[in-house]
C-alpha cells in the first residue's frame, strides 16, 4: 500500500486537520459514507472535533429541499431548477453548519458536495463550467479543502448495493439529472439509468483533479473497508503536506 513520504503522528492528524473541510464522494456503492464515518471516528478517538454533514440536506431548510427532490414527481422540472435546489441546500449547509464549524477549529466531513453535481450533470450532457459557476455563488469561498473520490467499477458498486445495472433503462429522461445523489432514492430509479450513464459519472469524477477548483484525490475504493480506510488515512496526510 502506498505510504506518505512523511507519516503524520496521531497528534499531527488532530492539529493539521483543524478547520479543514473534507468531502467524501464517489459513484453509488463506492463506500463513501462508510469511509467518512470511519475516518471521523478515528479522528475523534485521537481527540479531534468532527462535524459530519450530509449533502443534500443536513439542515432544516436543506431537508425540506431534499424532501422536494425525493418525494415528488419531478418529471416536468427543468434541470436548471433541479440544480438550483441542490445548490440552495448547499448554501444553507455552508452558512449554518460548515462555516461556523470551520471557524471554531473543527474538522468538517461531508458526504457528497458540488463534485457530485458536476459528475451527474456532466454525465447527463450539461456544462461543468456552469455548474461550477453556480456552485461558486452558493458557497462563495467555502469550498472543500480536499475532496476524496472513492473510485470503484460501476458493476462492483451495483453489486455492493444489491442493484441491477442495465444497458438500457426505462424513463431515461426522468432520471437524467441529479436524483441519484440522494442515497435513499428508490432502487428502481437508480436501475432506470442505463449502465453507460453510470460509467460517464465515474469517468467524470476521475477527471475532477484537473477540473475542480480545489484539491481532489482519487482513492481506489474496490478493496475491503479496512484496507480502503488505511489508504484514505494516508492520502489525507499526503494531501496536506
C-alpha atoms as a PDB file:
ATOM      1  CA  UNK A   1       0.000   0.000   0.000  1.00  0.00           C
ATOM      2  CA  UNK A   2       1.391   3.456  -0.900  1.00  0.00           C
ATOM      3  CA  UNK A   3       2.819   5.355   2.055  1.00  0.00           C
ATOM      4  CA  UNK A   4       3.242   9.046   2.732  1.00  0.00           C
ATOM      5  CA  UNK A   5       6.769  10.465   2.479  1.00  0.00           C
ATOM      6  CA  UNK A   6       6.379  11.855   5.979  1.00  0.00           C
ATOM      7  CA  UNK A   7       3.888   9.874   8.035  1.00  0.00           C
ATOM      8  CA  UNK A   8       1.876  12.007  10.410  1.00  0.00           C
ATOM      9  CA  UNK A   9       1.753  11.195  14.094  1.00  0.00           C
ATOM     10  CA  UNK A  10      -1.629  10.944  15.793  1.00  0.00           C
ATOM     11  CA  UNK A  11      -1.164  14.492  17.067  1.00  0.00           C
ATOM     12  CA  UNK A  12      -0.426  15.677  13.534  1.00  0.00           C
ATOM     13  CA  UNK A  13      -3.808  14.447  12.335  1.00  0.00           C
ATOM     14  CA  UNK A  14      -5.642  16.326  15.052  1.00  0.00           C
ATOM     15  CA  UNK A  15      -3.677  19.558  14.663  1.00  0.00           C
ATOM     16  CA  UNK A  16      -3.341  19.617  10.880  1.00  0.00           C
ATOM     17  CA  UNK A  17      -6.997  18.859  10.225  1.00  0.00           C
ATOM     18  CA  UNK A  18      -8.385  21.633  12.393  1.00  0.00           C
ATOM     19  CA  UNK A  19     -10.590  23.940  10.296  1.00  0.00           C
ATOM     20  CA  UNK A  20     -10.380  21.588   7.332  1.00  0.00           C
ATOM     21  CA  UNK A  21     -13.361  20.738   5.143  1.00  0.00           C
ATOM     22  CA  UNK A  22     -13.098  17.259   3.587  1.00  0.00           C
ATOM     23  CA  UNK A  23     -15.665  15.727   1.238  1.00  0.00           C
ATOM     24  CA  UNK A  24     -16.088  12.012   0.571  1.00  0.00           C
ATOM     25  CA  UNK A  25     -17.572  11.358  -2.852  1.00  0.00           C
ATOM     26  CA  UNK A  26     -17.763   8.624  -5.445  1.00  0.00           C
ATOM     27  CA  UNK A  27     -20.140   6.552  -7.558  1.00  0.00           C
ATOM     28  CA  UNK A  28     -23.014   4.730  -5.926  1.00  0.00           C
ATOM     29  CA  UNK A  29     -21.698   1.829  -3.859  1.00  0.00           C
ATOM     30  CA  UNK A  30     -18.192   3.258  -3.546  1.00  0.00           C
ATOM     31  CA  UNK A  31     -18.272   3.197   0.259  1.00  0.00           C
ATOM     32  CA  UNK A  32     -18.015   6.964   0.723  1.00  0.00           C
ATOM     33  CA  UNK A  33     -20.387   7.072   3.707  1.00  0.00           C
ATOM     34  CA  UNK A  34     -18.647   4.176   5.426  1.00  0.00           C
ATOM     35  CA  UNK A  35     -15.233   5.749   4.927  1.00  0.00           C
ATOM     36  CA  UNK A  36     -16.399   9.173   6.111  1.00  0.00           C
ATOM     37  CA  UNK A  37     -17.790   7.638   9.294  1.00  0.00           C
ATOM     38  CA  UNK A  38     -14.675   5.550   9.949  1.00  0.00           C
ATOM     39  CA  UNK A  39     -12.361   8.482   9.332  1.00  0.00           C
ATOM     40  CA  UNK A  40     -14.385  10.645  11.700  1.00  0.00           C
ATOM     41  CA  UNK A  41     -14.454   8.001  14.414  1.00  0.00           C
ATOM     42  CA  UNK A  42     -10.684   7.534  14.238  1.00  0.00           C
ATOM     43  CA  UNK A  43     -10.019  11.272  14.323  1.00  0.00           C
ATOM     44  CA  UNK A  44     -12.375  11.748  17.275  1.00  0.00           C
ATOM     45  CA  UNK A  45     -10.676   8.902  19.126  1.00  0.00           C
ATOM     46  CA  UNK A  46      -7.425  10.863  18.817  1.00  0.00           C
ATOM     47  CA  UNK A  47      -9.074  13.962  20.284  1.00  0.00           C
ATOM     48  CA  UNK A  48     -10.213  15.735  17.133  1.00  0.00           C
ATOM     49  CA  UNK A  49     -13.513  17.622  16.958  1.00  0.00           C
ATOM     50  CA  UNK A  50     -15.507  16.416  13.966  1.00  0.00           C
ATOM     51  CA  UNK A  51     -18.723  17.672  12.377  1.00  0.00           C
ATOM     52  CA  UNK A  52     -20.449  15.332   9.919  1.00  0.00           C
ATOM     53  CA  UNK A  53     -22.582  16.749   7.118  1.00  0.00           C
ATOM     54  CA  UNK A  54     -24.833  15.224   4.501  1.00  0.00           C
ATOM     55  CA  UNK A  55     -25.456  16.689   1.069  1.00  0.00           C
ATOM     56  CA  UNK A  56     -28.124  17.468   0.019  1.00  0.00           C
ATOM     57  CA  UNK A  57     -29.854  18.202   3.312  1.00  0.00           C
ATOM     58  CA  UNK A  58     -28.231  18.393   6.715  1.00  0.00           C
ATOM     59  CA  UNK A  59     -30.256  21.410   7.907  1.00  0.00           C
ATOM     60  CA  UNK A  60     -33.959  22.027   8.449  1.00  0.00           C
ATOM     61  CA  UNK A  61     -34.246  24.018   5.232  1.00  0.00           C
ATOM     62  CA  UNK A  62     -31.954  21.635   3.396  1.00  0.00           C
ATOM     63  CA  UNK A  63     -34.068  18.681   4.462  1.00  0.00           C
ATOM     64  CA  UNK A  64     -37.182  20.407   3.143  1.00  0.00           C
ATOM     65  CA  UNK A  65     -35.424  20.810  -0.197  1.00  0.00           C
ATOM     66  CA  UNK A  66     -34.341  17.184  -0.016  1.00  0.00           C
ATOM     67  CA  UNK A  67     -37.972  16.205   0.505  1.00  0.00           C
ATOM     68  CA  UNK A  68     -38.965  18.086  -2.631  1.00  0.00           C
ATOM     69  CA  UNK A  69     -36.291  16.283  -4.626  1.00  0.00           C
ATOM     70  CA  UNK A  70     -37.052  12.869  -3.177  1.00  0.00           C
ATOM     71  CA  UNK A  71     -40.785  12.738  -2.534  1.00  0.00           C
ATOM     72  CA  UNK A  72     -42.310  14.487  -5.518  1.00  0.00           C
ATOM     73  CA  UNK A  73     -42.710  13.752  -9.202  1.00  0.00           C
ATOM     74  CA  UNK A  74     -40.061  15.898 -10.883  1.00  0.00           C
ATOM     75  CA  UNK A  75     -40.852  14.781 -14.414  1.00  0.00           C
ATOM     76  CA  UNK A  76     -41.569  18.329 -15.565  1.00  0.00           C
ATOM     77  CA  UNK A  77     -38.890  20.050 -13.504  1.00  0.00           C
ATOM     78  CA  UNK A  78     -36.334  21.875 -15.613  1.00  0.00           C
ATOM     79  CA  UNK A  79     -32.811  20.622 -14.945  1.00  0.00           C
ATOM     80  CA  UNK A  80     -31.754  24.168 -14.057  1.00  0.00           C
ATOM     81  CA  UNK A  81     -34.423  24.312 -11.371  1.00  0.00           C
ATOM     82  CA  UNK A  82     -33.210  20.987 -10.020  1.00  0.00           C
ATOM     83  CA  UNK A  83     -29.627  22.264  -9.911  1.00  0.00           C
ATOM     84  CA  UNK A  84     -30.701  25.458  -8.151  1.00  0.00           C
ATOM     85  CA  UNK A  85     -32.420  23.368  -5.470  1.00  0.00           C
ATOM     86  CA  UNK A  86     -29.293  21.311  -4.839  1.00  0.00           C
ATOM     87  CA  UNK A  87     -27.186  24.465  -4.651  1.00  0.00           C
ATOM     88  CA  UNK A  88     -29.696  26.161  -2.352  1.00  0.00           C
ATOM     89  CA  UNK A  89     -29.414  23.243   0.052  1.00  0.00           C
ATOM     90  CA  UNK A  90     -25.615  23.605  -0.029  1.00  0.00           C
ATOM     91  CA  UNK A  91     -25.772  27.347   0.558  1.00  0.00           C
ATOM     92  CA  UNK A  92     -27.778  26.734   3.730  1.00  0.00           C
ATOM     93  CA  UNK A  93     -25.492  23.891   4.815  1.00  0.00           C
ATOM     94  CA  UNK A  94     -22.393  26.051   4.407  1.00  0.00           C
ATOM     95  CA  UNK A  95     -23.888  29.071   6.145  1.00  0.00           C
ATOM     96  CA  UNK A  96     -25.497  27.193   9.018  1.00  0.00           C
ATOM     97  CA  UNK A  97     -23.071  24.349   9.733  1.00  0.00           C
ATOM     98  CA  UNK A  98     -19.870  24.183   7.689  1.00  0.00           C
ATOM     99  CA  UNK A  99     -18.568  27.727   8.050  1.00  0.00           C
ATOM    100  CA  UNK A 100     -19.279  28.043  11.818  1.00  0.00           C
ATOM    101  CA  UNK A 101     -17.628  24.667  12.444  1.00  0.00           C
ATOM    102  CA  UNK A 102     -14.523  25.632  10.483  1.00  0.00           C
ATOM    103  CA  UNK A 103     -14.313  28.965  12.298  1.00  0.00           C
ATOM    104  CA  UNK A 104     -14.457  27.018  15.582  1.00  0.00           C
ATOM    105  CA  UNK A 105     -11.454  24.933  14.526  1.00  0.00           C
ATOM    106  CA  UNK A 106     -13.396  21.735  13.912  1.00  0.00           C
ATOM    107  CA  UNK A 107     -12.907  19.253  11.068  1.00  0.00           C
ATOM    108  CA  UNK A 108     -15.902  19.013   8.750  1.00  0.00           C
ATOM    109  CA  UNK A 109     -16.519  15.740   6.917  1.00  0.00           C
ATOM    110  CA  UNK A 110     -19.243  15.776   4.275  1.00  0.00           C
ATOM    111  CA  UNK A 111     -20.946  13.052   2.266  1.00  0.00           C
ATOM    112  CA  UNK A 112     -21.064  14.404  -1.321  1.00  0.00           C
ATOM    113  CA  UNK A 113     -20.925  18.049  -2.403  1.00  0.00           C
ATOM    114  CA  UNK A 114     -20.672  20.081  -5.604  1.00  0.00           C
ATOM    115  CA  UNK A 115     -18.356  17.424  -7.009  1.00  0.00           C
ATOM    116  CA  UNK A 116     -21.368  15.095  -7.283  1.00  0.00           C
ATOM    117  CA  UNK A 117     -23.423  17.623  -9.199  1.00  0.00           C
ATOM    118  CA  UNK A 118     -20.503  18.072 -11.591  1.00  0.00           C
ATOM    119  CA  UNK A 119     -20.335  14.328 -12.229  1.00  0.00           C
ATOM    120  CA  UNK A 120     -24.036  13.590 -12.590  1.00  0.00           C
ATOM    121  CA  UNK A 121     -24.950  16.682 -14.579  1.00  0.00           C
ATOM    122  CA  UNK A 122     -21.987  16.418 -16.933  1.00  0.00           C
ATOM    123  CA  UNK A 123     -22.822  12.735 -17.456  1.00  0.00           C
ATOM    124  CA  UNK A 124     -26.320  13.881 -18.425  1.00  0.00           C
ATOM    125  CA  UNK A 125     -24.860  16.275 -21.009  1.00  0.00           C
ATOM    126  CA  UNK A 126     -24.677  19.603 -19.173  1.00  0.00           C
ATOM    127  CA  UNK A 127     -21.790  22.039 -18.946  1.00  0.00           C
ATOM    128  CA  UNK A 128     -19.428  21.697 -15.987  1.00  0.00           C
ATOM    129  CA  UNK A 129     -18.421  25.358 -16.173  1.00  0.00           C
ATOM    130  CA  UNK A 130     -21.992  26.429 -15.495  1.00  0.00           C
ATOM    131  CA  UNK A 131     -22.287  24.008 -12.573  1.00  0.00           C
ATOM    132  CA  UNK A 132     -19.089  25.382 -11.036  1.00  0.00           C
ATOM    133  CA  UNK A 133     -20.202  28.983 -11.537  1.00  0.00           C
ATOM    134  CA  UNK A 134     -23.455  28.305  -9.729  1.00  0.00           C
ATOM    135  CA  UNK A 135     -21.565  26.430  -7.019  1.00  0.00           C
ATOM    136  CA  UNK A 136     -19.301  29.432  -6.539  1.00  0.00           C
ATOM    137  CA  UNK A 137     -22.321  31.652  -5.973  1.00  0.00           C
ATOM    138  CA  UNK A 138     -23.832  29.157  -3.498  1.00  0.00           C
ATOM    139  CA  UNK A 139     -20.788  28.549  -1.284  1.00  0.00           C
ATOM    140  CA  UNK A 140     -18.598  31.575  -2.059  1.00  0.00           C
ATOM    141  CA  UNK A 141     -15.129  30.801  -0.655  1.00  0.00           C
ATOM    142  CA  UNK A 142     -16.161  27.793   1.444  1.00  0.00           C
ATOM    143  CA  UNK A 143     -15.037  25.057  -0.927  1.00  0.00           C
ATOM    144  CA  UNK A 144     -13.707  21.764   0.433  1.00  0.00           C
ATOM    145  CA  UNK A 145     -10.014  21.784   1.254  1.00  0.00           C
ATOM    146  CA  UNK A 146      -9.961  18.237  -0.081  1.00  0.00           C
ATOM    147  CA  UNK A 147     -12.390  16.048  -1.997  1.00  0.00           C
ATOM    148  CA  UNK A 148     -11.727  12.312  -1.887  1.00  0.00           C
ATOM    149  CA  UNK A 149     -13.204  10.319  -4.756  1.00  0.00           C
ATOM    150  CA  UNK A 150     -13.711   6.684  -3.753  1.00  0.00           C
ATOM    151  CA  UNK A 151     -13.359   5.077  -7.156  1.00  0.00           C
ATOM    152  CA  UNK A 152     -14.908   1.685  -7.917  1.00  0.00           C
ATOM    153  CA  UNK A 153     -16.003  -0.079 -11.104  1.00  0.00           C
ATOM    154  CA  UNK A 154     -19.688   0.579 -11.666  1.00  0.00           C
ATOM    155  CA  UNK A 155     -20.531  -3.120 -11.644  1.00  0.00           C
ATOM    156  CA  UNK A 156     -18.920  -3.528  -8.208  1.00  0.00           C
ATOM    157  CA  UNK A 157     -20.828  -0.537  -6.876  1.00  0.00           C
ATOM    158  CA  UNK A 158     -24.120  -2.039  -8.015  1.00  0.00           C
ATOM    159  CA  UNK A 159     -23.166  -5.399  -6.556  1.00  0.00           C
ATOM    160  CA  UNK A 160     -22.490  -3.783  -3.182  1.00  0.00           C
ATOM    161  CA  UNK A 161     -25.855  -2.030  -3.141  1.00  0.00           C
ATOM    162  CA  UNK A 162     -27.814  -5.002  -4.444  1.00  0.00           C
ATOM    163  CA  UNK A 163     -28.930  -3.109  -7.515  1.00  0.00           C
ATOM    164  CA  UNK A 164     -29.055  -4.473 -11.044  1.00  0.00           C
ATOM    165  CA  UNK A 165     -27.257  -2.395 -13.703  1.00  0.00           C
ATOM    166  CA  UNK A 166     -28.932  -2.280 -17.085  1.00  0.00           C
ATOM    167  CA  UNK A 167     -27.627  -1.447 -20.514  1.00  0.00           C
ATOM    168  CA  UNK A 168     -30.856   0.391 -21.239  1.00  0.00           C
ATOM    169  CA  UNK A 169     -33.428   1.782 -18.865  1.00  0.00           C
ATOM    170  CA  UNK A 170     -36.998   2.961 -18.719  1.00  0.00           C
ATOM    171  CA  UNK A 171     -37.853   6.604 -18.052  1.00  0.00           C
ATOM    172  CA  UNK A 172     -34.394   7.718 -19.052  1.00  0.00           C
ATOM    173  CA  UNK A 173     -35.297  11.409 -19.273  1.00  0.00           C
ATOM    174  CA  UNK A 174     -36.971  11.262 -15.869  1.00  0.00           C
ATOM    175  CA  UNK A 175     -33.736  10.158 -14.219  1.00  0.00           C
ATOM    176  CA  UNK A 176     -31.241  12.119 -16.279  1.00  0.00           C
ATOM    177  CA  UNK A 177     -30.397  14.580 -13.540  1.00  0.00           C
ATOM    178  CA  UNK A 178     -29.108  14.512 -10.014  1.00  0.00           C
ATOM    179  CA  UNK A 179     -31.709  12.359  -8.286  1.00  0.00           C
ATOM    180  CA  UNK A 180     -29.102   9.655  -7.901  1.00  0.00           C
ATOM    181  CA  UNK A 181     -27.278  11.885  -5.404  1.00  0.00           C
ATOM    182  CA  UNK A 182     -29.988  11.009  -2.878  1.00  0.00           C
ATOM    183  CA  UNK A 183     -28.836   7.871  -1.094  1.00  0.00           C
ATOM    184  CA  UNK A 184     -32.430   6.987  -0.232  1.00  0.00           C
ATOM    185  CA  UNK A 185     -33.653   7.273  -3.810  1.00  0.00           C
ATOM    186  CA  UNK A 186     -35.800   4.325  -4.835  1.00  0.00           C
ATOM    187  CA  UNK A 187     -33.835   1.394  -6.174  1.00  0.00           C
ATOM    188  CA  UNK A 188     -35.857   1.261  -9.377  1.00  0.00           C
ATOM    189  CA  UNK A 189     -34.951   4.880 -10.070  1.00  0.00           C
ATOM    190  CA  UNK A 190     -31.257   4.048  -9.845  1.00  0.00           C
ATOM    191  CA  UNK A 191     -31.694   0.993 -12.023  1.00  0.00           C
ATOM    192  CA  UNK A 192     -33.647   3.007 -14.565  1.00  0.00           C
ATOM    193  CA  UNK A 193     -30.456   4.734 -15.645  1.00  0.00           C
ATOM    194  CA  UNK A 194     -28.514   2.815 -18.307  1.00  0.00           C
ATOM    195  CA  UNK A 195     -25.113   1.416 -17.444  1.00  0.00           C
ATOM    196  CA  UNK A 196     -23.411   3.870 -19.807  1.00  0.00           C
ATOM    197  CA  UNK A 197     -24.742   6.774 -17.749  1.00  0.00           C
ATOM    198  CA  UNK A 198     -23.176   5.443 -14.559  1.00  0.00           C
ATOM    199  CA  UNK A 199     -19.906   4.858 -16.400  1.00  0.00           C
ATOM    200  CA  UNK A 200     -19.931   8.507 -17.502  1.00  0.00           C
ATOM    201  CA  UNK A 201     -20.481   9.566 -13.901  1.00  0.00           C
ATOM    202  CA  UNK A 202     -17.425   7.597 -12.852  1.00  0.00           C
ATOM    203  CA  UNK A 203     -15.351   8.909 -15.757  1.00  0.00           C
ATOM    204  CA  UNK A 204     -16.281  12.498 -14.923  1.00  0.00           C
ATOM    205  CA  UNK A 205     -15.374  12.019 -11.264  1.00  0.00           C
ATOM    206  CA  UNK A 206     -11.983  10.705 -12.350  1.00  0.00           C
ATOM    207  CA  UNK A 207     -11.365  13.980 -14.261  1.00  0.00           C
ATOM    208  CA  UNK A 208     -12.116  16.220 -11.270  1.00  0.00           C
ATOM    209  CA  UNK A 209      -8.455  16.509 -10.148  1.00  0.00           C
ATOM    210  CA  UNK A 210      -7.879  18.505 -13.341  1.00  0.00           C
ATOM    211  CA  UNK A 211     -11.161  20.458 -13.496  1.00  0.00           C
ATOM    212  CA  UNK A 212     -12.369  21.111  -9.944  1.00  0.00           C
ATOM    213  CA  UNK A 213     -11.395  24.435  -8.315  1.00  0.00           C
ATOM    214  CA  UNK A 214      -9.976  22.779  -5.175  1.00  0.00           C
ATOM    215  CA  UNK A 215      -7.843  19.726  -4.472  1.00  0.00           C
ATOM    216  CA  UNK A 216      -9.277  16.346  -5.463  1.00  0.00           C
ATOM    217  CA  UNK A 217      -7.587  12.993  -4.884  1.00  0.00           C
ATOM    218  CA  UNK A 218      -8.651   9.594  -6.168  1.00  0.00           C
ATOM    219  CA  UNK A 219      -8.659   6.595  -3.836  1.00  0.00           C
ATOM    220  CA  UNK A 220      -9.186   3.025  -5.031  1.00  0.00           C
ATOM    221  CA  UNK A 221     -12.344   2.011  -3.188  1.00  0.00           C
ATOM    222  CA  UNK A 222     -12.575  -1.533  -4.530  1.00  0.00           C
ATOM    223  CA  UNK A 223     -10.763  -3.216  -1.625  1.00  0.00           C
ATOM    224  CA  UNK A 224     -12.202  -4.237   1.710  1.00  0.00           C
ATOM    225  CA  UNK A 225     -13.272  -1.469   4.081  1.00  0.00           C
ATOM    226  CA  UNK A 226     -10.226  -1.807   6.352  1.00  0.00           C
ATOM    227  CA  UNK A 227      -7.738  -1.511   3.504  1.00  0.00           C
ATOM    228  CA  UNK A 228      -9.543   1.436   1.946  1.00  0.00           C
ATOM    229  CA  UNK A 229      -9.686   3.206   5.311  1.00  0.00           C
ATOM    230  CA  UNK A 230      -5.919   2.881   5.768  1.00  0.00           C
ATOM    231  CA  UNK A 231      -5.347   4.238   2.277  1.00  0.00           C
ATOM    232  CA  UNK A 232      -7.696   7.168   2.924  1.00  0.00           C
ATOM    233  CA  UNK A 233      -5.873   7.885   6.187  1.00  0.00           C
ATOM    234  CA  UNK A 234      -2.550   8.130   4.356  1.00  0.00           C
ATOM    235  CA  UNK A 235      -3.927  10.028   1.343  1.00  0.00           C
ATOM    236  CA  UNK A 236      -5.259  12.761   3.618  1.00  0.00           C
ATOM    237  CA  UNK A 237      -1.791  13.191   5.147  1.00  0.00           C
ATOM    238  CA  UNK A 238      -0.224  13.448   1.693  1.00  0.00           C
ATOM    239  CA  UNK A 239      -2.850  15.961   0.588  1.00  0.00           C
ATOM    240  CA  UNK A 240      -1.978  18.437   3.334  1.00  0.00           C
ATOM    241  CA  UNK A 241       1.810  18.121   3.363  1.00  0.00           C
END
